[in-house]
């Protein structure tokens, strides 16, 4: 029990620390101005602390990464568990999981060297963009989504699939209408963990997103996320500037908690519906 509560205590201490450091500047500037203002000039004689461009940048990159990572991860898991030869699975699954061990700076470097020039040449813009960051994060979250989804699909009782096949359903109909629904809570857990990886990633995003202090209006526009803003400016910040960066962490904390709560509520609702059936 002591070991279990130590993890909760550490989370509570982190929460208290960032709120204590960040709330004063939020109260001074005003919560509405801090969140919805587009002006971020912390080092001016008359500083402005508005993080709305960073919030929109974080949401844009996370949404793009979710579209790429969840769709590819779910597709990989379905192929590995339902349509792939066991020998191929023994090679492909460890190879996908190996991606989780690659440092994020390596993904960022590959994105800068290969992905950014391709976007600049064939799609236009600077190359350093929301699209580049979304692609990099989507690949980074792929092993998490794939691995957990594979475990969720393998945990579904075999009788579910056998019964569907016996009633005349095809392999794909059984996978789509039976297995995916039965493994819904596990798939949602995979999505939540992948989303946490996308929102919290810093180094790879800094290298490929362009770090432009403006609201992105296109996937080819550069942007700046909440995490990259903290990482880029914490080293030389002081006074109210440092407090504003901690307040940025408070906003990020609240966003992550809200997203996770909504996802867990959806998962519980799915389980209740499955139980009623």
C-alpha atoms as a PDB file:
ATOM      1  CA  UNK A   1       0.000   0.000   0.000  1.00  0.00           C
ATOM      2  CA  UNK A   2       2.870   2.357   0.772  1.00  0.00           C
ATOM      3  CA  UNK A   3       4.435   1.745  -2.638  1.00  0.00           C
ATOM      4  CA  UNK A   4       1.075   2.181  -4.353  1.00  0.00           C
ATOM      5  CA  UNK A   5       0.367   5.481  -2.630  1.00  0.00           C
ATOM      6  CA  UNK A   6       3.876   6.749  -3.359  1.00  0.00           C
ATOM      7  CA  UNK A   7       2.978   7.040  -7.054  1.00  0.00           C
ATOM      8  CA  UNK A   8      -0.213   8.949  -6.224  1.00  0.00           C
ATOM      9  CA  UNK A   9       1.718  11.166  -3.819  1.00  0.00           C
ATOM     10  CA  UNK A  10       4.292  11.996  -6.500  1.00  0.00           C
ATOM     11  CA  UNK A  11       1.495  13.002  -8.879  1.00  0.00           C
ATOM     12  CA  UNK A  12      -0.098  15.134  -6.174  1.00  0.00           C
ATOM     13  CA  UNK A  13       3.198  16.896  -5.451  1.00  0.00           C
ATOM     14  CA  UNK A  14       3.808  17.612  -9.139  1.00  0.00           C
ATOM     15  CA  UNK A  15       0.285  18.973  -9.483  1.00  0.00           C
ATOM     16  CA  UNK A  16       0.615  21.194  -6.410  1.00  0.00           C
ATOM     17  CA  UNK A  17       4.000  22.490  -7.585  1.00  0.00           C
ATOM     18  CA  UNK A  18       2.953  23.544 -11.073  1.00  0.00           C
ATOM     19  CA  UNK A  19      -0.318  25.070  -9.856  1.00  0.00           C
ATOM     20  CA  UNK A  20       1.457  27.005  -7.110  1.00  0.00           C
ATOM     21  CA  UNK A  21       4.009  28.354  -9.583  1.00  0.00           C
ATOM     22  CA  UNK A  22       1.590  29.072 -12.420  1.00  0.00           C
ATOM     23  CA  UNK A  23      -1.672  30.300 -10.914  1.00  0.00           C
ATOM     24  CA  UNK A  24      -0.398  33.722  -9.671  1.00  0.00           C
ATOM     25  CA  UNK A  25       0.442  34.985 -13.173  1.00  0.00           C
ATOM     26  CA  UNK A  26      -2.831  33.589 -14.521  1.00  0.00           C
ATOM     27  CA  UNK A  27      -4.749  35.517 -11.877  1.00  0.00           C
ATOM     28  CA  UNK A  28      -2.735  38.666 -12.572  1.00  0.00           C
ATOM     29  CA  UNK A  29      -3.144  38.587 -16.340  1.00  0.00           C
ATOM     30  CA  UNK A  30      -6.661  37.208 -16.252  1.00  0.00           C
ATOM     31  CA  UNK A  31      -7.656  33.684 -17.197  1.00  0.00           C
ATOM     32  CA  UNK A  32      -9.459  34.790 -20.359  1.00  0.00           C
ATOM     33  CA  UNK A  33      -6.582  36.955 -21.585  1.00  0.00           C
ATOM     34  CA  UNK A  34      -4.020  34.275 -20.781  1.00  0.00           C
ATOM     35  CA  UNK A  35      -5.852  31.529 -22.665  1.00  0.00           C
ATOM     36  CA  UNK A  36      -7.469  33.425 -25.549  1.00  0.00           C
ATOM     37  CA  UNK A  37      -4.957  36.172 -26.320  1.00  0.00           C
ATOM     38  CA  UNK A  38      -2.692  35.796 -29.373  1.00  0.00           C
ATOM     39  CA  UNK A  39       0.100  37.971 -27.989  1.00  0.00           C
ATOM     40  CA  UNK A  40       3.076  36.188 -26.433  1.00  0.00           C
ATOM     41  CA  UNK A  41       5.797  38.753 -25.698  1.00  0.00           C
ATOM     42  CA  UNK A  42       7.195  37.770 -22.297  1.00  0.00           C
ATOM     43  CA  UNK A  43      10.480  39.713 -22.565  1.00  0.00           C
ATOM     44  CA  UNK A  44       9.098  43.111 -23.678  1.00  0.00           C
ATOM     45  CA  UNK A  45       9.015  46.144 -21.425  1.00  0.00           C
ATOM     46  CA  UNK A  46       5.234  45.686 -21.315  1.00  0.00           C
ATOM     47  CA  UNK A  47       4.993  41.892 -21.485  1.00  0.00           C
ATOM     48  CA  UNK A  48       2.001  40.010 -22.877  1.00  0.00           C
ATOM     49  CA  UNK A  49       1.203  36.424 -21.980  1.00  0.00           C
ATOM     50  CA  UNK A  50      -1.272  34.867 -24.390  1.00  0.00           C
ATOM     51  CA  UNK A  51      -0.995  31.175 -25.211  1.00  0.00           C
ATOM     52  CA  UNK A  52      -3.928  30.706 -27.598  1.00  0.00           C
ATOM     53  CA  UNK A  53      -1.627  30.041 -30.615  1.00  0.00           C
ATOM     54  CA  UNK A  54       0.176  27.319 -28.639  1.00  0.00           C
ATOM     55  CA  UNK A  55      -3.102  25.738 -27.568  1.00  0.00           C
ATOM     56  CA  UNK A  56      -4.325  25.608 -31.162  1.00  0.00           C
ATOM     57  CA  UNK A  57      -0.944  24.289 -32.312  1.00  0.00           C
ATOM     58  CA  UNK A  58      -1.055  21.488 -29.736  1.00  0.00           C
ATOM     59  CA  UNK A  59      -4.620  20.539 -30.668  1.00  0.00           C
ATOM     60  CA  UNK A  60      -3.844  20.597 -34.393  1.00  0.00           C
ATOM     61  CA  UNK A  61      -0.740  18.428 -34.063  1.00  0.00           C
ATOM     62  CA  UNK A  62      -2.445  16.003 -31.690  1.00  0.00           C
ATOM     63  CA  UNK A  63      -5.477  15.646 -33.973  1.00  0.00           C
ATOM     64  CA  UNK A  64      -3.254  14.995 -36.985  1.00  0.00           C
ATOM     65  CA  UNK A  65      -1.155  12.478 -35.074  1.00  0.00           C
ATOM     66  CA  UNK A  66      -4.296  10.690 -33.869  1.00  0.00           C
ATOM     67  CA  UNK A  67      -5.646  10.357 -37.407  1.00  0.00           C
ATOM     68  CA  UNK A  68      -2.360   8.849 -38.587  1.00  0.00           C
ATOM     69  CA  UNK A  69      -1.320   6.840 -35.527  1.00  0.00           C
ATOM     70  CA  UNK A  70      -4.708   5.385 -34.583  1.00  0.00           C
ATOM     71  CA  UNK A  71      -5.691   4.420 -38.128  1.00  0.00           C
ATOM     72  CA  UNK A  72      -2.332   2.799 -38.880  1.00  0.00           C
ATOM     73  CA  UNK A  73      -2.068   1.199 -35.435  1.00  0.00           C
ATOM     74  CA  UNK A  74      -5.568  -0.256 -35.599  1.00  0.00           C
ATOM     75  CA  UNK A  75      -4.984  -1.530 -39.123  1.00  0.00           C
ATOM     76  CA  UNK A  76      -1.685  -3.157 -38.119  1.00  0.00           C
ATOM     77  CA  UNK A  77      -3.300  -4.821 -35.101  1.00  0.00           C
ATOM     78  CA  UNK A  78      -6.174  -6.222 -37.184  1.00  0.00           C
ATOM     79  CA  UNK A  79      -3.801  -7.631 -39.783  1.00  0.00           C
ATOM     80  CA  UNK A  80      -1.470  -9.131 -37.173  1.00  0.00           C
ATOM     81  CA  UNK A  81      -4.234 -10.837 -35.196  1.00  0.00           C
ATOM     82  CA  UNK A  82      -6.698 -11.865 -37.912  1.00  0.00           C
ATOM     83  CA  UNK A  83      -5.118 -12.095 -41.352  1.00  0.00           C
ATOM     84  CA  UNK A  84      -1.397 -12.707 -40.855  1.00  0.00           C
ATOM     85  CA  UNK A  85       0.540 -15.983 -40.658  1.00  0.00           C
ATOM     86  CA  UNK A  86       1.919 -16.686 -37.150  1.00  0.00           C
ATOM     87  CA  UNK A  87       5.496 -16.724 -38.476  1.00  0.00           C
ATOM     88  CA  UNK A  88       5.033 -13.290 -39.983  1.00  0.00           C
ATOM     89  CA  UNK A  89       3.511 -12.054 -36.710  1.00  0.00           C
ATOM     90  CA  UNK A  90       6.567 -13.251 -34.782  1.00  0.00           C
ATOM     91  CA  UNK A  91       8.704 -10.964 -36.944  1.00  0.00           C
ATOM     92  CA  UNK A  92       6.424  -7.979 -37.567  1.00  0.00           C
ATOM     93  CA  UNK A  93       5.116  -7.423 -34.022  1.00  0.00           C
ATOM     94  CA  UNK A  94       8.568  -7.141 -32.386  1.00  0.00           C
ATOM     95  CA  UNK A  95       9.707  -4.905 -35.251  1.00  0.00           C
ATOM     96  CA  UNK A  96       6.806  -2.509 -34.639  1.00  0.00           C
ATOM     97  CA  UNK A  97       7.366  -2.552 -30.874  1.00  0.00           C
ATOM     98  CA  UNK A  98      11.037  -1.779 -31.469  1.00  0.00           C
ATOM     99  CA  UNK A  99       9.983   1.686 -32.648  1.00  0.00           C
ATOM    100  CA  UNK A 100       9.109   2.535 -29.050  1.00  0.00           C
ATOM    101  CA  UNK A 101      12.770   2.216 -28.071  1.00  0.00           C
ATOM    102  CA  UNK A 102      14.038   4.757 -30.604  1.00  0.00           C
ATOM    103  CA  UNK A 103      14.760   8.157 -28.967  1.00  0.00           C
ATOM    104  CA  UNK A 104      12.424  10.948 -29.990  1.00  0.00           C
ATOM    105  CA  UNK A 105      15.335  13.092 -31.176  1.00  0.00           C
ATOM    106  CA  UNK A 106      16.087  10.440 -33.804  1.00  0.00           C
ATOM    107  CA  UNK A 107      12.518  10.681 -35.125  1.00  0.00           C
ATOM    108  CA  UNK A 108      12.896  14.457 -35.182  1.00  0.00           C
ATOM    109  CA  UNK A 109      16.197  14.245 -37.043  1.00  0.00           C
ATOM    110  CA  UNK A 110      14.715  11.907 -39.659  1.00  0.00           C
ATOM    111  CA  UNK A 111      11.784  14.289 -40.012  1.00  0.00           C
ATOM    112  CA  UNK A 112      14.069  17.283 -40.575  1.00  0.00           C
ATOM    113  CA  UNK A 113      16.342  15.501 -43.054  1.00  0.00           C
ATOM    114  CA  UNK A 114      13.766  13.534 -45.070  1.00  0.00           C
ATOM    115  CA  UNK A 115      10.182  14.542 -44.336  1.00  0.00           C
ATOM    116  CA  UNK A 116      10.483  18.343 -44.228  1.00  0.00           C
ATOM    117  CA  UNK A 117      12.247  18.643 -47.630  1.00  0.00           C
ATOM    118  CA  UNK A 118       9.636  16.356 -49.221  1.00  0.00           C
ATOM    119  CA  UNK A 119       6.766  18.470 -47.890  1.00  0.00           C
ATOM    120  CA  UNK A 120       8.502  21.672 -49.011  1.00  0.00           C
ATOM    121  CA  UNK A 121       9.120  20.305 -52.510  1.00  0.00           C
ATOM    122  CA  UNK A 122       5.818  18.605 -53.267  1.00  0.00           C
ATOM    123  CA  UNK A 123       3.242  20.402 -51.095  1.00  0.00           C
ATOM    124  CA  UNK A 124       4.737  23.859 -50.641  1.00  0.00           C
ATOM    125  CA  UNK A 125       5.311  25.991 -47.600  1.00  0.00           C
ATOM    126  CA  UNK A 126       8.341  25.914 -45.344  1.00  0.00           C
ATOM    127  CA  UNK A 127       8.214  22.180 -44.782  1.00  0.00           C
ATOM    128  CA  UNK A 128       8.449  22.801 -41.046  1.00  0.00           C
ATOM    129  CA  UNK A 129       4.742  22.491 -40.366  1.00  0.00           C
ATOM    130  CA  UNK A 130       1.830  20.938 -38.507  1.00  0.00           C
ATOM    131  CA  UNK A 131       1.775  18.174 -41.123  1.00  0.00           C
ATOM    132  CA  UNK A 132       5.419  17.243 -40.496  1.00  0.00           C
ATOM    133  CA  UNK A 133       4.882  17.154 -36.735  1.00  0.00           C
ATOM    134  CA  UNK A 134       1.683  15.104 -37.116  1.00  0.00           C
ATOM    135  CA  UNK A 135       3.409  12.521 -39.322  1.00  0.00           C
ATOM    136  CA  UNK A 136       6.349  12.175 -36.933  1.00  0.00           C
ATOM    137  CA  UNK A 137       4.096  11.859 -33.873  1.00  0.00           C
ATOM    138  CA  UNK A 138       1.794   9.449 -35.683  1.00  0.00           C
ATOM    139  CA  UNK A 139       4.721   7.098 -36.322  1.00  0.00           C
ATOM    140  CA  UNK A 140       5.962   7.541 -32.748  1.00  0.00           C
ATOM    141  CA  UNK A 141       2.610   6.511 -31.244  1.00  0.00           C
ATOM    142  CA  UNK A 142       2.211   3.572 -33.660  1.00  0.00           C
ATOM    143  CA  UNK A 143       3.880   0.907 -31.441  1.00  0.00           C
ATOM    144  CA  UNK A 144       1.788   1.892 -28.401  1.00  0.00           C
ATOM    145  CA  UNK A 145      -1.528   1.756 -30.250  1.00  0.00           C
ATOM    146  CA  UNK A 146      -0.631  -1.418 -32.144  1.00  0.00           C
ATOM    147  CA  UNK A 147       0.696  -3.392 -29.176  1.00  0.00           C
ATOM    148  CA  UNK A 148      -2.211  -2.647 -26.835  1.00  0.00           C
ATOM    149  CA  UNK A 149      -4.804  -3.187 -29.557  1.00  0.00           C
ATOM    150  CA  UNK A 150      -3.248  -6.559 -30.405  1.00  0.00           C
ATOM    151  CA  UNK A 151      -3.489  -7.580 -26.737  1.00  0.00           C
ATOM    152  CA  UNK A 152      -7.115  -6.399 -26.596  1.00  0.00           C
ATOM    153  CA  UNK A 153      -8.088  -8.375 -29.701  1.00  0.00           C
ATOM    154  CA  UNK A 154      -6.294 -11.492 -28.481  1.00  0.00           C
ATOM    155  CA  UNK A 155      -8.147 -11.251 -25.156  1.00  0.00           C
ATOM    156  CA  UNK A 156     -11.545 -11.603 -26.860  1.00  0.00           C
ATOM    157  CA  UNK A 157     -12.876 -15.146 -26.278  1.00  0.00           C
ATOM    158  CA  UNK A 158     -12.381 -17.333 -29.320  1.00  0.00           C
ATOM    159  CA  UNK A 159     -16.003 -18.477 -29.132  1.00  0.00           C
ATOM    160  CA  UNK A 160     -17.123 -14.988 -30.252  1.00  0.00           C
ATOM    161  CA  UNK A 161     -15.363 -15.325 -33.580  1.00  0.00           C
ATOM    162  CA  UNK A 162     -16.219 -18.998 -34.019  1.00  0.00           C
ATOM    163  CA  UNK A 163     -19.904 -18.298 -33.401  1.00  0.00           C
ATOM    164  CA  UNK A 164     -19.924 -15.496 -35.955  1.00  0.00           C
ATOM    165  CA  UNK A 165     -18.210 -17.679 -38.572  1.00  0.00           C
ATOM    166  CA  UNK A 166     -20.659 -20.508 -37.832  1.00  0.00           C
ATOM    167  CA  UNK A 167     -23.564 -18.152 -38.551  1.00  0.00           C
ATOM    168  CA  UNK A 168     -22.179 -17.482 -42.016  1.00  0.00           C
ATOM    169  CA  UNK A 169     -20.257 -14.223 -41.501  1.00  0.00           C
ATOM    170  CA  UNK A 170     -17.031 -13.655 -43.395  1.00  0.00           C
ATOM    171  CA  UNK A 171     -13.689 -13.173 -41.674  1.00  0.00           C
ATOM    172  CA  UNK A 172     -13.837  -9.399 -42.178  1.00  0.00           C
ATOM    173  CA  UNK A 173     -17.478  -9.178 -41.039  1.00  0.00           C
ATOM    174  CA  UNK A 174     -16.552 -11.083 -37.887  1.00  0.00           C
ATOM    175  CA  UNK A 175     -13.604  -8.797 -37.234  1.00  0.00           C
ATOM    176  CA  UNK A 176     -15.544  -5.605 -37.921  1.00  0.00           C
ATOM    177  CA  UNK A 177     -18.878  -6.398 -36.274  1.00  0.00           C
ATOM    178  CA  UNK A 178     -17.852  -8.688 -33.427  1.00  0.00           C
ATOM    179  CA  UNK A 179     -14.197  -8.629 -32.412  1.00  0.00           C
ATOM    180  CA  UNK A 180     -13.585  -4.883 -32.631  1.00  0.00           C
ATOM    181  CA  UNK A 181     -16.713  -4.159 -30.613  1.00  0.00           C
ATOM    182  CA  UNK A 182     -15.832  -6.757 -28.000  1.00  0.00           C
ATOM    183  CA  UNK A 183     -12.327  -5.295 -27.654  1.00  0.00           C
ATOM    184  CA  UNK A 184     -13.608  -1.705 -27.598  1.00  0.00           C
ATOM    185  CA  UNK A 185     -12.453  -0.860 -24.067  1.00  0.00           C
ATOM    186  CA  UNK A 186      -8.920  -2.120 -24.743  1.00  0.00           C
ATOM    187  CA  UNK A 187      -8.770  -0.212 -28.028  1.00  0.00           C
ATOM    188  CA  UNK A 188      -9.896   2.936 -26.206  1.00  0.00           C
ATOM    189  CA  UNK A 189      -7.084   2.437 -23.685  1.00  0.00           C
ATOM    190  CA  UNK A 190      -4.638   2.234 -26.603  1.00  0.00           C
ATOM    191  CA  UNK A 191      -6.019   5.464 -28.045  1.00  0.00           C
ATOM    192  CA  UNK A 192      -5.737   7.242 -24.672  1.00  0.00           C
ATOM    193  CA  UNK A 193      -2.106   6.205 -24.202  1.00  0.00           C
ATOM    194  CA  UNK A 194      -1.278   7.159 -27.773  1.00  0.00           C
ATOM    195  CA  UNK A 195      -2.941  10.518 -27.281  1.00  0.00           C
ATOM    196  CA  UNK A 196      -0.876  11.107 -24.143  1.00  0.00           C
ATOM    197  CA  UNK A 197       2.288  10.374 -26.120  1.00  0.00           C
ATOM    198  CA  UNK A 198       1.265  12.842 -28.820  1.00  0.00           C
ATOM    199  CA  UNK A 199       0.294  15.681 -26.467  1.00  0.00           C
ATOM    200  CA  UNK A 200       3.345  15.327 -24.241  1.00  0.00           C
ATOM    201  CA  UNK A 201       6.054  14.894 -26.881  1.00  0.00           C
ATOM    202  CA  UNK A 202       8.533  17.780 -27.034  1.00  0.00           C
ATOM    203  CA  UNK A 203      11.895  17.222 -28.722  1.00  0.00           C
ATOM    204  CA  UNK A 204      10.712  15.712 -32.012  1.00  0.00           C
ATOM    205  CA  UNK A 205       8.002  18.369 -32.315  1.00  0.00           C
ATOM    206  CA  UNK A 206      10.467  21.220 -31.743  1.00  0.00           C
ATOM    207  CA  UNK A 207      12.621  19.957 -34.608  1.00  0.00           C
ATOM    208  CA  UNK A 208       9.903  19.732 -37.281  1.00  0.00           C
ATOM    209  CA  UNK A 209       7.055  22.128 -36.442  1.00  0.00           C
ATOM    210  CA  UNK A 210       8.765  25.469 -37.097  1.00  0.00           C
ATOM    211  CA  UNK A 211       7.941  27.006 -33.668  1.00  0.00           C
ATOM    212  CA  UNK A 212       6.042  29.971 -35.134  1.00  0.00           C
ATOM    213  CA  UNK A 213       4.025  32.072 -32.679  1.00  0.00           C
ATOM    214  CA  UNK A 214       0.803  32.230 -34.666  1.00  0.00           C
ATOM    215  CA  UNK A 215      -2.400  30.238 -34.966  1.00  0.00           C
ATOM    216  CA  UNK A 216      -1.988  27.659 -37.775  1.00  0.00           C
ATOM    217  CA  UNK A 217      -4.609  28.001 -40.504  1.00  0.00           C
ATOM    218  CA  UNK A 218      -3.389  25.090 -42.607  1.00  0.00           C
ATOM    219  CA  UNK A 219      -1.576  21.811 -42.040  1.00  0.00           C
ATOM    220  CA  UNK A 220       1.310  23.313 -44.024  1.00  0.00           C
ATOM    221  CA  UNK A 221       1.675  26.255 -41.624  1.00  0.00           C
ATOM    222  CA  UNK A 222       4.364  26.274 -38.915  1.00  0.00           C
ATOM    223  CA  UNK A 223       3.143  26.393 -35.324  1.00  0.00           C
ATOM    224  CA  UNK A 224       4.250  26.032 -31.725  1.00  0.00           C
ATOM    225  CA  UNK A 225       2.863  23.641 -29.116  1.00  0.00           C
ATOM    226  CA  UNK A 226       2.531  24.105 -25.365  1.00  0.00           C
ATOM    227  CA  UNK A 227       5.307  21.637 -24.620  1.00  0.00           C
ATOM    228  CA  UNK A 228       7.723  23.102 -27.154  1.00  0.00           C
ATOM    229  CA  UNK A 229       7.057  26.605 -25.818  1.00  0.00           C
ATOM    230  CA  UNK A 230       8.051  25.491 -22.311  1.00  0.00           C
ATOM    231  CA  UNK A 231      11.156  23.655 -23.520  1.00  0.00           C
ATOM    232  CA  UNK A 232      12.357  26.484 -25.757  1.00  0.00           C
ATOM    233  CA  UNK A 233      12.042  29.302 -23.221  1.00  0.00           C
ATOM    234  CA  UNK A 234      12.513  27.764 -19.775  1.00  0.00           C
ATOM    235  CA  UNK A 235      16.302  27.985 -19.995  1.00  0.00           C
ATOM    236  CA  UNK A 236      16.429  31.791 -20.045  1.00  0.00           C
ATOM    237  CA  UNK A 237      13.146  32.674 -18.294  1.00  0.00           C
ATOM    238  CA  UNK A 238      12.866  34.506 -14.990  1.00  0.00           C
ATOM    239  CA  UNK A 239      10.217  36.229 -12.902  1.00  0.00           C
ATOM    240  CA  UNK A 240       6.818  36.520 -14.545  1.00  0.00           C
ATOM    241  CA  UNK A 241       8.137  34.853 -17.700  1.00  0.00           C
ATOM    242  CA  UNK A 242       8.963  31.709 -15.745  1.00  0.00           C
ATOM    243  CA  UNK A 243       5.614  31.861 -13.968  1.00  0.00           C
ATOM    244  CA  UNK A 244       3.885  32.104 -17.355  1.00  0.00           C
ATOM    245  CA  UNK A 245       5.676  28.960 -18.519  1.00  0.00           C
ATOM    246  CA  UNK A 246       4.493  27.117 -15.408  1.00  0.00           C
ATOM    247  CA  UNK A 247       0.999  28.446 -16.124  1.00  0.00           C
ATOM    248  CA  UNK A 248       1.360  26.972 -19.615  1.00  0.00           C
ATOM    249  CA  UNK A 249       2.038  23.651 -17.892  1.00  0.00           C
ATOM    250  CA  UNK A 250      -1.135  24.121 -15.837  1.00  0.00           C
ATOM    251  CA  UNK A 251      -3.197  24.573 -19.008  1.00  0.00           C
ATOM    252  CA  UNK A 252      -1.553  21.519 -20.575  1.00  0.00           C
ATOM    253  CA  UNK A 253      -2.293  19.518 -17.413  1.00  0.00           C
ATOM    254  CA  UNK A 254      -5.963  20.529 -17.498  1.00  0.00           C
ATOM    255  CA  UNK A 255      -6.276  19.686 -21.216  1.00  0.00           C
ATOM    256  CA  UNK A 256      -4.769  16.225 -20.726  1.00  0.00           C
ATOM    257  CA  UNK A 257      -6.987  15.516 -17.706  1.00  0.00           C
ATOM    258  CA  UNK A 258     -10.097  16.643 -19.607  1.00  0.00           C
ATOM    259  CA  UNK A 259      -9.253  14.508 -22.635  1.00  0.00           C
ATOM    260  CA  UNK A 260      -8.478  11.436 -20.519  1.00  0.00           C
ATOM    261  CA  UNK A 261     -11.660  11.872 -18.455  1.00  0.00           C
ATOM    262  CA  UNK A 262     -13.776  12.134 -21.586  1.00  0.00           C
ATOM    263  CA  UNK A 263     -12.119   9.065 -23.098  1.00  0.00           C
ATOM    264  CA  UNK A 264     -12.589   7.018 -19.913  1.00  0.00           C
ATOM    265  CA  UNK A 265     -16.231   8.074 -19.700  1.00  0.00           C
ATOM    266  CA  UNK A 266     -16.716   6.957 -23.296  1.00  0.00           C
ATOM    267  CA  UNK A 267     -15.032   3.644 -22.499  1.00  0.00           C
ATOM    268  CA  UNK A 268     -17.283   3.029 -19.477  1.00  0.00           C
ATOM    269  CA  UNK A 269     -20.335   3.896 -21.558  1.00  0.00           C
ATOM    270  CA  UNK A 270     -19.204   1.367 -24.162  1.00  0.00           C
ATOM    271  CA  UNK A 271     -18.780  -1.316 -21.501  1.00  0.00           C
ATOM    272  CA  UNK A 272     -22.253  -0.626 -20.081  1.00  0.00           C
ATOM    273  CA  UNK A 273     -23.804  -0.907 -23.534  1.00  0.00           C
ATOM    274  CA  UNK A 274     -21.938  -4.156 -24.143  1.00  0.00           C
ATOM    275  CA  UNK A 275     -23.182  -5.503 -20.805  1.00  0.00           C
ATOM    276  CA  UNK A 276     -26.788  -4.581 -21.622  1.00  0.00           C
ATOM    277  CA  UNK A 277     -26.517  -6.495 -24.858  1.00  0.00           C
END
